[in-house]
Amino acid sequence: MLCFFSFFALPQVRTEGSDKSCVTFVLHNEDHTLGNSLRYMIMKDPEVEFCGYSITHPSESKINFRIQTKDGVPAVEMFQKGLEELMGVCQHVLTTFEASVEEYKAEKDTNME
């Protein structure tokens, strides 16, 4: 599954001397909708030690999204994996919803005849 996010376009914030297993991503034009859903998906992975986010200020639509992994696993990989899994869940919900709408319409048409 291809991800629509370009990971190289996302600003990454690291403190001096830190490794790739502890990274803060800055997500612009996002809020709790993506932040909490993505945090949940990433935290399900046993290789993730910490995952959290904060909204910088209520008037800004920017998230600081922090991931810390175990055993030197790159945080970028967990970020990408979380996005792909979240997209899969969203696609499943959309497909199920559309199928239910079609089923309802077909049932409604049958009852009207």
Protein backbone atom coordinates (compact mmCIF):
# COMPACT_ATOMS: atom_id res chain seq x y z
CA MET A 1 0.00 0.00 0.00
CA LEU A 2 1.41 3.38 -0.94
CA CYS A 3 1.24 6.13 1.59
CA PHE A 4 0.17 9.60 0.45
CA PHE A 5 2.48 11.31 2.95
CA SER A 6 5.97 12.22 1.86
CA PHE A 7 8.14 11.49 4.87
CA PHE A 8 10.98 13.61 3.61
CA ALA A 9 8.67 16.62 3.41
CA LEU A 10 7.69 16.33 7.08
CA PRO A 11 9.93 18.35 9.37
CA GLN A 12 11.63 16.15 11.94
CA VAL A 13 12.98 17.57 15.18
CA ARG A 14 15.83 15.82 16.96
CA THR A 15 17.92 16.92 19.87
CA GLU A 16 21.68 17.00 19.48
CA GLY A 17 23.20 13.54 19.73
CA SER A 18 19.91 11.67 19.58
CA ASP A 19 19.45 8.51 17.55
CA LYS A 20 16.87 7.60 14.91
CA SER A 21 14.76 5.68 17.41
CA CYS A 22 13.51 8.86 19.09
CA VAL A 23 12.02 11.46 16.74
CA THR A 24 9.46 14.25 16.91
CA PHE A 25 7.53 14.88 13.70
CA VAL A 26 5.80 18.21 13.09
CA LEU A 27 2.45 17.73 11.33
CA HIS A 28 0.96 20.91 9.91
CA ASN A 29 -2.78 21.46 9.34
CA GLU A 30 -3.74 18.52 11.55
CA ASP A 31 -5.57 18.16 14.86
CA HIS A 32 -6.70 15.53 17.38
CA THR A 33 -8.55 13.58 14.66
CA LEU A 34 -5.32 12.36 13.07
CA GLY A 35 -3.18 12.67 16.19
CA ASN A 36 -5.15 10.35 18.44
CA SER A 37 -5.97 7.81 15.71
CA LEU A 38 -2.35 7.59 14.58
CA ARG A 39 -1.08 7.39 18.15
CA TYR A 40 -3.39 4.44 18.79
CA MET A 41 -2.25 2.59 15.66
CA ILE A 42 1.45 3.12 16.41
CA MET A 43 1.19 2.16 20.09
CA LYS A 44 -0.22 -1.25 19.13
CA ASP A 45 3.25 -2.22 17.85
CA PRO A 46 5.36 -3.95 20.54
CA GLU A 47 8.52 -2.31 19.18
CA VAL A 48 7.22 1.13 20.18
CA GLU A 49 8.18 2.29 23.65
CA PHE A 50 6.43 5.67 23.58
CA CYS A 51 4.13 7.49 21.21
CA GLY A 52 2.35 10.73 21.96
CA TYR A 53 1.41 14.05 20.49
CA SER A 54 0.66 17.58 21.57
CA ILE A 55 -1.15 20.45 19.95
CA THR A 56 1.18 23.43 20.16
CA HIS A 57 -1.60 25.99 20.73
CA PRO A 58 -5.39 25.94 20.20
CA SER A 59 -5.13 28.65 17.54
CA GLU A 60 -2.52 26.70 15.56
CA SER A 61 -3.27 23.62 13.50
CA LYS A 62 0.04 21.92 14.17
CA ILE A 63 0.91 18.72 16.02
CA ASN A 64 4.20 17.68 17.56
CA PHE A 65 4.13 13.89 17.21
CA ARG A 66 6.77 11.97 19.18
CA ILE A 67 7.80 8.34 18.68
CA GLN A 68 10.38 6.41 20.68
CA THR A 69 11.15 2.82 19.71
CA LYS A 70 12.91 -0.13 21.32
CA ASP A 71 16.15 -1.75 20.18
CA GLY A 72 17.11 1.01 17.74
CA VAL A 73 14.20 0.50 15.35
CA PRO A 74 13.92 3.72 13.28
CA ALA A 75 10.98 5.85 14.41
CA VAL A 76 10.31 6.83 10.79
CA GLU A 77 9.50 3.18 10.00
CA MET A 78 6.96 3.02 12.83
CA PHE A 79 5.46 6.32 11.68
CA GLN A 80 5.07 5.03 8.12
CA LYS A 81 3.69 1.68 9.31
CA GLY A 82 1.14 3.46 11.53
CA LEU A 83 -0.02 5.67 8.66
CA GLU A 84 -0.38 2.69 6.35
CA GLU A 85 -2.36 0.71 8.94
CA LEU A 86 -4.59 3.71 9.65
CA MET A 87 -5.23 4.13 5.92
CA GLY A 88 -6.17 0.44 5.76
CA VAL A 89 -8.68 0.86 8.58
CA CYS A 90 -10.15 3.97 6.94
CA GLN A 91 -10.44 2.14 3.61
CA HIS A 92 -12.21 -0.78 5.32
CA VAL A 93 -14.69 1.58 7.00
CA LEU A 94 -15.37 3.35 3.70
CA THR A 95 -15.85 0.09 1.79
CA THR A 96 -18.17 -1.32 4.46
CA PHE A 97 -20.19 1.91 4.55
CA GLU A 98 -20.57 2.06 0.78
CA ALA A 99 -21.64 -1.60 0.65
CA SER A 100 -24.25 -0.96 3.37
CA VAL A 101 -25.61 2.06 1.50
CA GLU A 102 -25.94 0.00 -1.68
CA GLU A 103 -27.63 -2.82 0.25
CA TYR A 104 -30.06 -0.34 1.81
CA LYS A 105 -30.89 1.20 -1.56
CA ALA A 106 -31.45 -2.23 -3.12
CA GLU A 107 -33.70 -3.27 -0.22
CA LYS A 108 -35.63 -0.01 -0.42
CA ASP A 109 -36.17 -0.44 -4.18
CA THR A 110 -37.35 -4.03 -3.66
CA ASN A 111 -39.84 -2.97 -0.99
CA MET A 112 -41.27 -0.22 -3.21
CA GLU A 113 -42.12 -2.65 -6.02
